[in-house]
């Protein structure tokens, strides 16, 4: 699809702003403008062009519009790679971006993500209803026996935690 001068100018500003922000955040960016334009589906470019023609692009693409297009990571795993490229980037709605950038079953959580989860849950008491729900979910499920390797790892964790407590009190 041929891009109009207005659409090309808008996309170039978008590309330079987005890649500059990623670089500022310490992310390696291996994405050219041509590759960036290639991330768009034809319908997305057509939609942007119609918004430009109707002089409503800034209303359609504003920050609080969940259907506005964003340049984002293709998946949680792609974000974990730390390289923003044609293979790890995509253009989709802000709403879809929020969904695909959450960890999916089988994804290994980033250490920073684990720290954030731990911090947010530390000191938060569970309600009786929450405890009852956990209990109900565990009832009727078989628990796998502990292997010798798991027992050893657990005892090493416990020893390390106790040593850290002793060192903190001294």
C-alpha atoms as a PDB file:
ATOM      1  CA  UNK A   1       0.000   0.000   0.000  1.00  0.00           C
ATOM      2  CA  UNK A   2       1.317   3.446  -0.911  1.00  0.00           C
ATOM      3  CA  UNK A   3       1.452   5.841   2.014  1.00  0.00           C
ATOM      4  CA  UNK A   4       0.245   9.417   1.701  1.00  0.00           C
ATOM      5  CA  UNK A   5       2.675  12.174   2.727  1.00  0.00           C
ATOM      6  CA  UNK A   6       0.641  12.900   5.881  1.00  0.00           C
ATOM      7  CA  UNK A   7       0.499   9.250   6.937  1.00  0.00           C
ATOM      8  CA  UNK A   8       4.209   8.745   6.245  1.00  0.00           C
ATOM      9  CA  UNK A   9       5.051  11.824   8.341  1.00  0.00           C
ATOM     10  CA  UNK A  10       2.830  10.599  11.205  1.00  0.00           C
ATOM     11  CA  UNK A  11       4.381   7.121  11.105  1.00  0.00           C
ATOM     12  CA  UNK A  12       7.930   8.552  11.070  1.00  0.00           C
ATOM     13  CA  UNK A  13       7.184  10.624  14.188  1.00  0.00           C
ATOM     14  CA  UNK A  14       5.614   7.603  15.853  1.00  0.00           C
ATOM     15  CA  UNK A  15       8.598   5.408  14.954  1.00  0.00           C
ATOM     16  CA  UNK A  16      11.212   7.885  16.197  1.00  0.00           C
ATOM     17  CA  UNK A  17       9.323   8.566  19.448  1.00  0.00           C
ATOM     18  CA  UNK A  18       8.730   4.881  20.210  1.00  0.00           C
ATOM     19  CA  UNK A  19      12.257   3.708  19.433  1.00  0.00           C
ATOM     20  CA  UNK A  20      13.813   6.620  21.345  1.00  0.00           C
ATOM     21  CA  UNK A  21      11.737   5.695  24.409  1.00  0.00           C
ATOM     22  CA  UNK A  22      12.807   2.039  24.168  1.00  0.00           C
ATOM     23  CA  UNK A  23      16.474   3.041  23.871  1.00  0.00           C
ATOM     24  CA  UNK A  24      16.101   5.380  26.851  1.00  0.00           C
ATOM     25  CA  UNK A  25      14.728   2.432  28.831  1.00  0.00           C
ATOM     26  CA  UNK A  26      17.913   0.492  27.983  1.00  0.00           C
ATOM     27  CA  UNK A  27      16.348  -1.771  25.364  1.00  0.00           C
ATOM     28  CA  UNK A  28      18.283  -2.698  22.235  1.00  0.00           C
ATOM     29  CA  UNK A  29      16.290  -1.547  19.176  1.00  0.00           C
ATOM     30  CA  UNK A  30      16.952  -3.384  15.888  1.00  0.00           C
ATOM     31  CA  UNK A  31      14.013  -2.036  13.903  1.00  0.00           C
ATOM     32  CA  UNK A  32      14.163   0.125  10.781  1.00  0.00           C
ATOM     33  CA  UNK A  33      11.385   2.422   9.610  1.00  0.00           C
ATOM     34  CA  UNK A  34      10.659   0.092   6.683  1.00  0.00           C
ATOM     35  CA  UNK A  35      10.318  -2.867   9.080  1.00  0.00           C
ATOM     36  CA  UNK A  36       8.106  -0.727  11.348  1.00  0.00           C
ATOM     37  CA  UNK A  37       5.733   0.026   8.462  1.00  0.00           C
ATOM     38  CA  UNK A  38       5.788  -3.683   7.585  1.00  0.00           C
ATOM     39  CA  UNK A  39       4.384  -4.506  11.041  1.00  0.00           C
ATOM     40  CA  UNK A  40       1.072  -2.847  10.102  1.00  0.00           C
ATOM     41  CA  UNK A  41      -1.752  -4.805   8.548  1.00  0.00           C
ATOM     42  CA  UNK A  42      -3.327  -3.206   5.484  1.00  0.00           C
ATOM     43  CA  UNK A  43      -6.561  -2.534   7.387  1.00  0.00           C
ATOM     44  CA  UNK A  44      -4.646  -0.681  10.118  1.00  0.00           C
ATOM     45  CA  UNK A  45      -2.951   1.619   7.611  1.00  0.00           C
ATOM     46  CA  UNK A  46      -6.296   2.182   5.868  1.00  0.00           C
ATOM     47  CA  UNK A  47      -7.902   3.054   9.200  1.00  0.00           C
ATOM     48  CA  UNK A  48      -5.140   5.550  10.009  1.00  0.00           C
ATOM     49  CA  UNK A  49      -5.460   7.100   6.551  1.00  0.00           C
ATOM     50  CA  UNK A  50      -9.229   7.485   6.987  1.00  0.00           C
ATOM     51  CA  UNK A  51      -8.614   9.172  10.350  1.00  0.00           C
ATOM     52  CA  UNK A  52      -6.163  11.582   8.709  1.00  0.00           C
ATOM     53  CA  UNK A  53      -8.629  12.310   5.889  1.00  0.00           C
ATOM     54  CA  UNK A  54     -11.419  12.903   8.414  1.00  0.00           C
ATOM     55  CA  UNK A  55      -9.118  15.114  10.501  1.00  0.00           C
ATOM     56  CA  UNK A  56      -9.730  12.989  13.601  1.00  0.00           C
ATOM     57  CA  UNK A  57      -6.404  11.148  13.916  1.00  0.00           C
ATOM     58  CA  UNK A  58      -5.496  12.670  17.278  1.00  0.00           C
ATOM     59  CA  UNK A  59      -8.912  11.798  18.708  1.00  0.00           C
ATOM     60  CA  UNK A  60      -8.654   8.211  17.435  1.00  0.00           C
ATOM     61  CA  UNK A  61      -5.050   7.751  18.611  1.00  0.00           C
ATOM     62  CA  UNK A  62      -5.279   9.524  21.975  1.00  0.00           C
ATOM     63  CA  UNK A  63      -3.835   7.969  25.153  1.00  0.00           C
ATOM     64  CA  UNK A  64      -7.156   7.063  26.778  1.00  0.00           C
ATOM     65  CA  UNK A  65      -8.556   5.220  23.744  1.00  0.00           C
ATOM     66  CA  UNK A  66      -8.225   1.451  24.330  1.00  0.00           C
ATOM     67  CA  UNK A  67      -8.669   0.820  20.595  1.00  0.00           C
ATOM     68  CA  UNK A  68      -5.819   3.130  19.540  1.00  0.00           C
ATOM     69  CA  UNK A  69      -2.906   1.429  17.786  1.00  0.00           C
ATOM     70  CA  UNK A  70       0.353   0.996  19.694  1.00  0.00           C
ATOM     71  CA  UNK A  71       3.795  -0.326  18.848  1.00  0.00           C
ATOM     72  CA  UNK A  72       4.437  -2.988  21.442  1.00  0.00           C
ATOM     73  CA  UNK A  73       6.063  -6.327  22.207  1.00  0.00           C
ATOM     74  CA  UNK A  74       4.675  -9.365  20.403  1.00  0.00           C
ATOM     75  CA  UNK A  75       4.469 -11.354  23.668  1.00  0.00           C
ATOM     76  CA  UNK A  76       5.707 -11.528  27.269  1.00  0.00           C
ATOM     77  CA  UNK A  77       8.557 -13.792  26.141  1.00  0.00           C
ATOM     78  CA  UNK A  78       9.545 -11.327  23.409  1.00  0.00           C
ATOM     79  CA  UNK A  79       9.740  -8.575  26.023  1.00  0.00           C
ATOM     80  CA  UNK A  80      11.969 -10.781  28.173  1.00  0.00           C
ATOM     81  CA  UNK A  81      14.448 -11.017  25.276  1.00  0.00           C
ATOM     82  CA  UNK A  82      15.315  -7.322  25.662  1.00  0.00           C
ATOM     83  CA  UNK A  83      15.725  -6.839  21.894  1.00  0.00           C
ATOM     84  CA  UNK A  84      13.052  -4.824  20.084  1.00  0.00           C
ATOM     85  CA  UNK A  85      13.084  -6.018  16.473  1.00  0.00           C
ATOM     86  CA  UNK A  86      10.800  -7.044  13.644  1.00  0.00           C
ATOM     87  CA  UNK A  87      10.500 -10.501  15.213  1.00  0.00           C
ATOM     88  CA  UNK A  88       9.612  -9.221  18.706  1.00  0.00           C
ATOM     89  CA  UNK A  89       7.476  -6.160  17.880  1.00  0.00           C
ATOM     90  CA  UNK A  90       3.901  -5.773  16.700  1.00  0.00           C
ATOM     91  CA  UNK A  91       1.300  -3.078  16.104  1.00  0.00           C
ATOM     92  CA  UNK A  92      -2.059  -3.748  17.734  1.00  0.00           C
ATOM     93  CA  UNK A  93      -4.741  -2.029  19.802  1.00  0.00           C
ATOM     94  CA  UNK A  94      -3.850  -0.846  23.287  1.00  0.00           C
ATOM     95  CA  UNK A  95      -6.437  -3.296  24.639  1.00  0.00           C
ATOM     96  CA  UNK A  96      -4.869  -6.283  22.873  1.00  0.00           C
ATOM     97  CA  UNK A  97      -1.384  -5.152  23.923  1.00  0.00           C
ATOM     98  CA  UNK A  98      -2.399  -5.258  27.585  1.00  0.00           C
ATOM     99  CA  UNK A  99      -3.592  -8.850  27.157  1.00  0.00           C
ATOM    100  CA  UNK A 100      -0.685 -10.268  25.136  1.00  0.00           C
ATOM    101  CA  UNK A 101       1.993  -8.726  27.352  1.00  0.00           C
ATOM    102  CA  UNK A 102       0.832 -10.542  30.456  1.00  0.00           C
ATOM    103  CA  UNK A 103       2.671 -13.781  31.231  1.00  0.00           C
ATOM    104  CA  UNK A 104       0.979 -16.794  29.683  1.00  0.00           C
ATOM    105  CA  UNK A 105       1.027 -20.347  31.077  1.00  0.00           C
ATOM    106  CA  UNK A 106       4.523 -21.742  30.533  1.00  0.00           C
ATOM    107  CA  UNK A 107       6.264 -18.337  30.366  1.00  0.00           C
ATOM    108  CA  UNK A 108       9.221 -17.905  32.705  1.00  0.00           C
ATOM    109  CA  UNK A 109       8.733 -14.739  34.748  1.00  0.00           C
ATOM    110  CA  UNK A 110      11.394 -12.038  34.557  1.00  0.00           C
ATOM    111  CA  UNK A 111      13.260 -11.480  37.855  1.00  0.00           C
ATOM    112  CA  UNK A 112      11.997  -7.881  37.984  1.00  0.00           C
ATOM    113  CA  UNK A 113       8.438  -9.164  37.581  1.00  0.00           C
ATOM    114  CA  UNK A 114       8.935 -11.657  40.432  1.00  0.00           C
ATOM    115  CA  UNK A 115      10.288  -8.879  42.684  1.00  0.00           C
ATOM    116  CA  UNK A 116       7.300  -6.650  41.921  1.00  0.00           C
ATOM    117  CA  UNK A 117       4.859  -9.468  42.710  1.00  0.00           C
ATOM    118  CA  UNK A 118       6.691 -10.301  45.932  1.00  0.00           C
ATOM    119  CA  UNK A 119       6.740  -6.667  47.054  1.00  0.00           C
ATOM    120  CA  UNK A 120       3.053  -6.184  46.337  1.00  0.00           C
ATOM    121  CA  UNK A 121       2.061  -9.325  48.272  1.00  0.00           C
ATOM    122  CA  UNK A 122       4.393  -8.911  51.263  1.00  0.00           C
ATOM    123  CA  UNK A 123       2.462  -8.121  54.435  1.00  0.00           C
ATOM    124  CA  UNK A 124      -0.967  -8.576  52.826  1.00  0.00           C
ATOM    125  CA  UNK A 125      -3.157 -10.832  54.939  1.00  0.00           C
ATOM    126  CA  UNK A 126      -5.460 -13.286  53.186  1.00  0.00           C
ATOM    127  CA  UNK A 127      -9.151 -13.181  54.076  1.00  0.00           C
ATOM    128  CA  UNK A 128     -10.891 -16.235  55.477  1.00  0.00           C
ATOM    129  CA  UNK A 129     -12.811 -16.535  52.211  1.00  0.00           C
ATOM    130  CA  UNK A 130      -9.549 -16.512  50.251  1.00  0.00           C
ATOM    131  CA  UNK A 131      -8.082 -19.238  52.486  1.00  0.00           C
ATOM    132  CA  UNK A 132     -11.263 -21.306  52.086  1.00  0.00           C
ATOM    133  CA  UNK A 133     -11.031 -20.968  48.288  1.00  0.00           C
ATOM    134  CA  UNK A 134      -7.401 -22.115  48.329  1.00  0.00           C
ATOM    135  CA  UNK A 135      -8.336 -25.061  50.525  1.00  0.00           C
ATOM    136  CA  UNK A 136     -11.249 -26.031  48.267  1.00  0.00           C
ATOM    137  CA  UNK A 137      -9.038 -25.855  45.178  1.00  0.00           C
ATOM    138  CA  UNK A 138      -6.486 -28.202  46.738  1.00  0.00           C
ATOM    139  CA  UNK A 139      -8.976 -30.808  47.973  1.00  0.00           C
ATOM    140  CA  UNK A 140      -9.158 -33.946  45.881  1.00  0.00           C
ATOM    141  CA  UNK A 141      -5.830 -33.306  44.146  1.00  0.00           C
ATOM    142  CA  UNK A 142      -2.927 -35.634  44.513  1.00  0.00           C
ATOM    143  CA  UNK A 143       0.309 -34.109  45.665  1.00  0.00           C
ATOM    144  CA  UNK A 144       3.426 -35.502  44.025  1.00  0.00           C
ATOM    145  CA  UNK A 145       5.917 -37.030  46.469  1.00  0.00           C
ATOM    146  CA  UNK A 146       9.074 -35.071  47.183  1.00  0.00           C
ATOM    147  CA  UNK A 147      12.076 -36.335  45.266  1.00  0.00           C
ATOM    148  CA  UNK A 148      15.480 -36.495  46.981  1.00  0.00           C
ATOM    149  CA  UNK A 149      16.649 -33.560  44.830  1.00  0.00           C
ATOM    150  CA  UNK A 150      13.656 -31.462  45.898  1.00  0.00           C
ATOM    151  CA  UNK A 151      14.219 -32.344  49.567  1.00  0.00           C
ATOM    152  CA  UNK A 152      17.875 -31.345  49.310  1.00  0.00           C
ATOM    153  CA  UNK A 153      17.073 -28.033  47.587  1.00  0.00           C
ATOM    154  CA  UNK A 154      14.422 -27.227  50.195  1.00  0.00           C
ATOM    155  CA  UNK A 155      16.762 -27.937  53.124  1.00  0.00           C
ATOM    156  CA  UNK A 156      19.455 -25.758  51.517  1.00  0.00           C
ATOM    157  CA  UNK A 157      16.931 -22.934  51.147  1.00  0.00           C
ATOM    158  CA  UNK A 158      15.922 -23.272  54.786  1.00  0.00           C
ATOM    159  CA  UNK A 159      19.566 -23.275  55.959  1.00  0.00           C
ATOM    160  CA  UNK A 160      20.324 -20.174  53.875  1.00  0.00           C
ATOM    161  CA  UNK A 161      17.257 -18.354  55.225  1.00  0.00           C
ATOM    162  CA  UNK A 162      18.149 -19.223  58.827  1.00  0.00           C
ATOM    163  CA  UNK A 163      21.769 -18.117  58.281  1.00  0.00           C
ATOM    164  CA  UNK A 164      20.541 -14.806  56.876  1.00  0.00           C
ATOM    165  CA  UNK A 165      18.293 -14.296  59.930  1.00  0.00           C
ATOM    166  CA  UNK A 166      21.199 -15.038  62.286  1.00  0.00           C
ATOM    167  CA  UNK A 167      23.447 -12.616  60.402  1.00  0.00           C
ATOM    168  CA  UNK A 168      20.785  -9.903  60.578  1.00  0.00           C
ATOM    169  CA  UNK A 169      20.382 -10.215  64.360  1.00  0.00           C
ATOM    170  CA  UNK A 170      24.119 -10.105  65.052  1.00  0.00           C
END
